[in-house]
C-alpha atoms as a PDB file:
ATOM      1  CA  MET A   1       0.000   0.000   0.000  1.00  0.00           C
ATOM      2  CA  PRO A   2       1.445   3.416  -0.904  1.00  0.00           C
ATOM      3  CA  THR A   3       2.396   5.652   2.000  1.00  0.00           C
ATOM      4  CA  SER A   4      -0.259   8.248   1.149  1.00  0.00           C
ATOM      5  CA  GLU A   5      -3.013   5.622   1.320  1.00  0.00           C
ATOM      6  CA  ALA A   6      -1.582   4.228   4.570  1.00  0.00           C
ATOM      7  CA  LEU A   7      -1.515   7.748   6.024  1.00  0.00           C
ATOM      8  CA  VAL A   8      -5.141   8.461   5.074  1.00  0.00           C
ATOM      9  CA  TYR A   9      -6.166   5.091   6.509  1.00  0.00           C
ATOM     10  CA  TYR A  10      -4.195   5.712   9.713  1.00  0.00           C
ATOM     11  CA  LEU A  11      -5.715   9.171  10.179  1.00  0.00           C
ATOM     12  CA  GLN A  12      -9.223   7.754   9.811  1.00  0.00           C
ATOM     13  CA  VAL A  13      -8.548   4.980  12.303  1.00  0.00           C
ATOM     14  CA  VAL A  14      -6.775   7.262  14.793  1.00  0.00           C
ATOM     15  CA  MET A  15      -9.650   9.769  14.689  1.00  0.00           C
ATOM     16  CA  ALA A  16     -12.099   6.998  15.536  1.00  0.00           C
ATOM     17  CA  TYR A  17      -9.745   5.821  18.311  1.00  0.00           C
ATOM     18  CA  ALA A  18      -9.425   9.325  19.783  1.00  0.00           C
ATOM     19  CA  PHE A  19     -13.188   9.821  19.671  1.00  0.00           C
ATOM     20  CA  LEU A  20     -13.983   6.456  21.266  1.00  0.00           C
ATOM     21  CA  THR A  21     -11.278   6.850  23.917  1.00  0.00           C
ATOM     22  CA  THR A  22     -12.607  10.303  24.810  1.00  0.00           C
ATOM     23  CA  VAL A  23     -16.203   9.069  25.049  1.00  0.00           C
ATOM     24  CA  VAL A  24     -15.244   6.013  27.121  1.00  0.00           C
ATOM     25  CA  GLY A  25     -13.109   8.236  29.358  1.00  0.00           C
ATOM     26  CA  LEU A  26     -16.065  10.532  29.957  1.00  0.00           C
ATOM     27  CA  LEU A  27     -18.447   7.660  30.655  1.00  0.00           C
ATOM     28  CA  THR A  28     -16.147   5.688  32.954  1.00  0.00           C
ATOM     29  CA  GLY A  29     -14.521   8.638  34.700  1.00  0.00           C
ATOM     30  CA  THR A  30     -10.968   7.621  33.843  1.00  0.00           C
ATOM     31  CA  ALA A  31      -7.837   9.717  33.368  1.00  0.00           C
ATOM     32  CA  LEU A  32      -8.619  13.388  32.784  1.00  0.00           C
ATOM     33  CA  PHE A  33     -12.321  12.894  33.418  1.00  0.00           C
ATOM     34  CA  SER A  34     -12.128  11.528  36.979  1.00  0.00           C
ATOM     35  CA  SER A  35     -14.619  14.111  38.239  1.00  0.00           C
ATOM     36  CA  GLY A  36     -17.268  12.835  35.830  1.00  0.00           C
ATOM     37  CA  ALA A  37     -18.695  14.068  32.559  1.00  0.00           C
ATOM     38  CA  ALA A  38     -20.975  16.646  34.186  1.00  0.00           C
ATOM     39  CA  GLN A  39     -18.067  18.489  35.827  1.00  0.00           C
ATOM     40  CA  THR A  40     -15.559  18.223  32.979  1.00  0.00           C
ATOM     41  CA  PRO A  41     -15.205  21.526  31.120  1.00  0.00           C
ATOM     42  CA  PRO A  42     -15.812  21.263  27.359  1.00  0.00           C
ATOM     43  CA  TYR A  43     -12.355  22.603  26.503  1.00  0.00           C
ATOM     44  CA  ALA A  44     -10.782  19.708  28.446  1.00  0.00           C
ATOM     45  CA  VAL A  45     -12.665  17.205  26.297  1.00  0.00           C
ATOM     46  CA  VAL A  46     -11.515  18.933  23.103  1.00  0.00           C
ATOM     47  CA  LEU A  47      -7.914  19.130  24.339  1.00  0.00           C
ATOM     48  CA  TYR A  48      -7.975  15.469  25.342  1.00  0.00           C
ATOM     49  CA  PHE A  49      -9.289  14.443  21.912  1.00  0.00           C
ATOM     50  CA  PHE A  50      -6.728  16.486  19.987  1.00  0.00           C
ATOM     51  CA  GLY A  51      -3.965  15.444  22.384  1.00  0.00           C
ATOM     52  CA  LEU A  52      -4.713  11.798  21.623  1.00  0.00           C
ATOM     53  CA  LEU A  53      -4.856  12.549  17.912  1.00  0.00           C
ATOM     54  CA  LEU A  54      -1.608  14.515  17.753  1.00  0.00           C
ATOM     55  CA  GLY A  55       0.189  12.280  20.254  1.00  0.00           C
ATOM     56  CA  SER A  56      -0.701   9.152  18.279  1.00  0.00           C
ATOM     57  CA  CYS A  57       0.524  10.723  15.040  1.00  0.00           C
ATOM     58  CA  ALA A  58       3.763  11.971  16.632  1.00  0.00           C
ATOM     59  CA  TRP A  59       4.409   8.552  18.211  1.00  0.00           C
ATOM     60  CA  ALA A  60       3.850   6.761  14.888  1.00  0.00           C
ATOM     61  CA  LEU A  61       6.214   9.152  13.091  1.00  0.00           C
ATOM     62  CA  PHE A  62       8.891   8.855  15.795  1.00  0.00           C
ATOM     63  CA  LEU A  63       8.620   5.074  15.879  1.00  0.00           C
ATOM     64  CA  GLY A  64       8.668   4.803  12.083  1.00  0.00           C
ATOM     65  CA  ILE A  65      11.802   6.932  11.767  1.00  0.00           C
ATOM     66  CA  THR A  66      13.735   5.242  14.582  1.00  0.00           C
ATOM     67  CA  VAL A  67      12.810   1.738  13.440  1.00  0.00           C
ATOM     68  CA  HIS A  68      13.792   2.633   9.868  1.00  0.00           C
ATOM     69  CA  LEU A  69      17.220   3.820  11.027  1.00  0.00           C
ATOM     70  CA  THR A  70      17.672   0.699  13.158  1.00  0.00           C
ATOM     71  CA  SER A  71      16.536  -1.545  10.297  1.00  0.00           C
ATOM     72  CA  ARG A  72      19.036   0.039   7.939  1.00  0.00           C
ATOM     73  CA  ALA A  73      21.796  -0.354  10.548  1.00  0.00           C
ATOM     74  CA  LEU A  74      20.920  -4.058  10.763  1.00  0.00           C
ATOM     75  CA  GLY A  75      21.248  -4.491   6.998  1.00  0.00           C
ATOM     76  CA  GLY A  76      17.701  -3.755   5.856  1.00  0.00           C
ATOM     77  CA  SER A  77      17.019  -2.533   2.348  1.00  0.00           C
ATOM     78  CA  GLY A  78      13.566  -0.924   2.613  1.00  0.00           C
ATOM     79  CA  SER A  79      12.763   2.737   2.088  1.00  0.00           C
ATOM     80  CA  MET A  80      11.536   5.237   4.668  1.00  0.00           C
ATOM     81  CA  LYS A  81       8.136   5.355   2.938  1.00  0.00           C
ATOM     82  CA  GLU A  82       7.758   1.583   3.152  1.00  0.00           C
ATOM     83  CA  THR A  83       8.779   1.600   6.812  1.00  0.00           C
ATOM     84  CA  LEU A  84       6.273   4.341   7.632  1.00  0.00           C
ATOM     85  CA  SER A  85       3.542   2.426   5.791  1.00  0.00           C
ATOM     86  CA  ALA A  86       4.315  -0.709   7.811  1.00  0.00           C
ATOM     87  CA  CYS A  87       4.327   1.332  11.015  1.00  0.00           C
ATOM     88  CA  LEU A  88       1.028   3.088  10.284  1.00  0.00           C
ATOM     89  CA  LEU A  89      -0.747  -0.096   9.251  1.00  0.00           C
ATOM     90  CA  SER A  90       0.554  -2.048  12.253  1.00  0.00           C
ATOM     91  CA  PHE A  91      -1.274   0.304  14.622  1.00  0.00           C
ATOM     92  CA  THR A  92      -4.683  -0.907  13.392  1.00  0.00           C
ATOM     93  CA  PRO A  93      -5.348  -3.455  16.184  1.00  0.00           C
ATOM     94  CA  LEU A  94      -4.376  -0.917  18.838  1.00  0.00           C
ATOM     95  CA  MET A  95      -6.625   1.766  17.387  1.00  0.00           C
ATOM     96  CA  VAL A  96      -9.562  -0.589  16.842  1.00  0.00           C
ATOM     97  CA  THR A  97      -9.544  -2.259  20.281  1.00  0.00           C
ATOM     98  CA  GLY A  98      -7.232  -0.127  22.433  1.00  0.00           C
ATOM     99  CA  TRP A  99     -10.049   2.086  23.704  1.00  0.00           C
ATOM    100  CA  ILE A 100     -11.761  -0.855  25.443  1.00  0.00           C
ATOM    101  CA  PRO A 101     -11.050  -0.567  29.185  1.00  0.00           C
ATOM    102  CA  LEU A 102      -8.727  -3.094  30.843  1.00  0.00           C
ATOM    103  CA  ILE A 103      -8.154  -5.751  28.159  1.00  0.00           C
ATOM    104  CA  GLY A 104      -8.175  -3.841  24.879  1.00  0.00           C
ATOM    105  CA  SER A 105      -4.818  -2.191  25.132  1.00  0.00           C
ATOM    106  CA  TYR A 106      -2.781  -5.189  26.316  1.00  0.00           C
ATOM    107  CA  ILE A 107      -3.971  -7.555  23.608  1.00  0.00           C
ATOM    108  CA  ALA A 108      -3.779  -4.863  20.942  1.00  0.00           C
ATOM    109  CA  ASP A 109      -0.233  -3.839  21.932  1.00  0.00           C
ATOM    110  CA  ILE A 110       1.078  -7.368  21.401  1.00  0.00           C
ATOM    111  CA  TRP A 111      -0.894  -7.755  18.175  1.00  0.00           C
ATOM    112  CA  SER A 112       0.327  -4.412  16.786  1.00  0.00           C
ATOM    113  CA  LEU A 113       3.916  -5.145  17.781  1.00  0.00           C
ATOM    114  CA  SER A 114       3.733  -8.523  16.025  1.00  0.00           C
ATOM    115  CA  LEU A 115       2.352  -6.919  12.868  1.00  0.00           C
ATOM    116  CA  PHE A 116       5.078  -4.279  12.946  1.00  0.00           C
ATOM    117  CA  VAL A 117       7.798  -6.935  13.209  1.00  0.00           C
ATOM    118  CA  ILE A 118       6.273  -8.844  10.268  1.00  0.00           C
ATOM    119  CA  GLY A 119       6.006  -5.617   8.259  1.00  0.00           C
ATOM    120  CA  ILE A 120       9.628  -4.663   8.939  1.00  0.00           C
ATOM    121  CA  ARG A 121      10.776  -8.183   8.099  1.00  0.00           C
ATOM    122  CA  GLU A 122       9.037  -7.999   4.717  1.00  0.00           C
ATOM    123  CA  VAL A 123       9.843  -4.371   3.860  1.00  0.00           C
ATOM    124  CA  HIS A 124      13.534  -4.579   4.745  1.00  0.00           C
ATOM    125  CA  ALA A 125      14.106  -8.223   3.753  1.00  0.00           C
ATOM    126  CA  LEU A 126      15.416  -8.999   7.243  1.00  0.00           C
ATOM    127  CA  SER A 127      15.311 -12.229   9.205  1.00  0.00           C
ATOM    128  CA  THR A 128      12.657 -12.384  11.904  1.00  0.00           C
ATOM    129  CA  ARG A 129      15.342 -12.049  14.582  1.00  0.00           C
ATOM    130  CA  ARG A 130      16.739  -8.872  13.005  1.00  0.00           C
ATOM    131  CA  ALA A 131      13.234  -7.466  12.504  1.00  0.00           C
ATOM    132  CA  VAL A 132      12.477  -8.042  16.200  1.00  0.00           C
ATOM    133  CA  LEU A 133      15.722  -6.248  17.091  1.00  0.00           C
ATOM    134  CA  ALA A 134      14.893  -3.390  14.718  1.00  0.00           C
ATOM    135  CA  VAL A 135      11.555  -2.848  16.463  1.00  0.00           C
ATOM    136  CA  VAL A 136      12.564  -3.574  20.069  1.00  0.00           C
ATOM    137  CA  LEU A 137      15.901  -1.703  20.242  1.00  0.00           C
ATOM    138  CA  PRO A 138      14.420   1.805  19.771  1.00  0.00           C
ATOM    139  CA  LEU A 139      11.677   0.995  22.293  1.00  0.00           C
ATOM    140  CA  ALA A 140      14.219  -0.316  24.815  1.00  0.00           C
ATOM    141  CA  LEU A 141      16.405   2.756  24.323  1.00  0.00           C
ATOM    142  CA  LEU A 142      13.439   5.078  24.845  1.00  0.00           C
ATOM    143  CA  PHE A 143      12.360   3.152  27.951  1.00  0.00           C
ATOM    144  CA  THR A 144      15.898   3.342  29.358  1.00  0.00           C
ATOM    145  CA  LEU A 145      16.046   7.092  28.726  1.00  0.00           C
ATOM    146  CA  LEU A 146      12.697   7.583  30.466  1.00  0.00           C
ATOM    147  CA  VAL A 147      13.792   5.554  33.494  1.00  0.00           C
ATOM    148  CA  LEU A 148      17.070   7.478  33.741  1.00  0.00           C
ATOM    149  CA  THR A 149      15.188  10.768  33.431  1.00  0.00           C
ATOM    150  CA  PHE A 150      12.845   9.818  36.266  1.00  0.00           C
ATOM    151  CA  ILE A 151      15.747   8.639  38.417  1.00  0.00           C
ATOM    152  CA  TYR A 152      17.435  11.980  37.824  1.00  0.00           C
ATOM    153  CA  LEU A 153      14.276  14.029  38.476  1.00  0.00           C
ATOM    154  CA  ILE A 154      12.942  12.215  41.570  1.00  0.00           C
ATOM    155  CA  PRO A 155      15.517  13.739  43.974  1.00  0.00           C
ATOM    156  CA  THR A 156      14.454  17.236  42.855  1.00  0.00           C
ATOM    157  CA  LEU A 157      10.826  16.728  43.918  1.00  0.00           C
END
């Protein structure tokens, strides 16, 4: 699928995800909406929706770029456009079921990660082991940086 079609598809799916997550958050009183829908100011709902939308797009772009660079370092031959297409399409399970409280996100995370590994393996003509490394290494590096940041910031609180 061309990158432009994958992007249009992703934007449609992520808008539905942001809408459903916002509605479920209002109805269940989770996250930003802990005081309940009646007491939540309208601007907070709009900000939450657009925050999910923009955050999801930024995360997909960041992940696509870092995984592409890692894939190339591991000997991959795919293009940036192909990597971004694989990244955008792999988010489908997360966007379709991730808004369901409790179980949706966990199952969808594993499913999306598996699809991303398969996509990277095919796009970059890598072995499954190298594709797993290409996807997991940037995530592990980001996680390590976040942990180190929190360790550094905790004494200042």
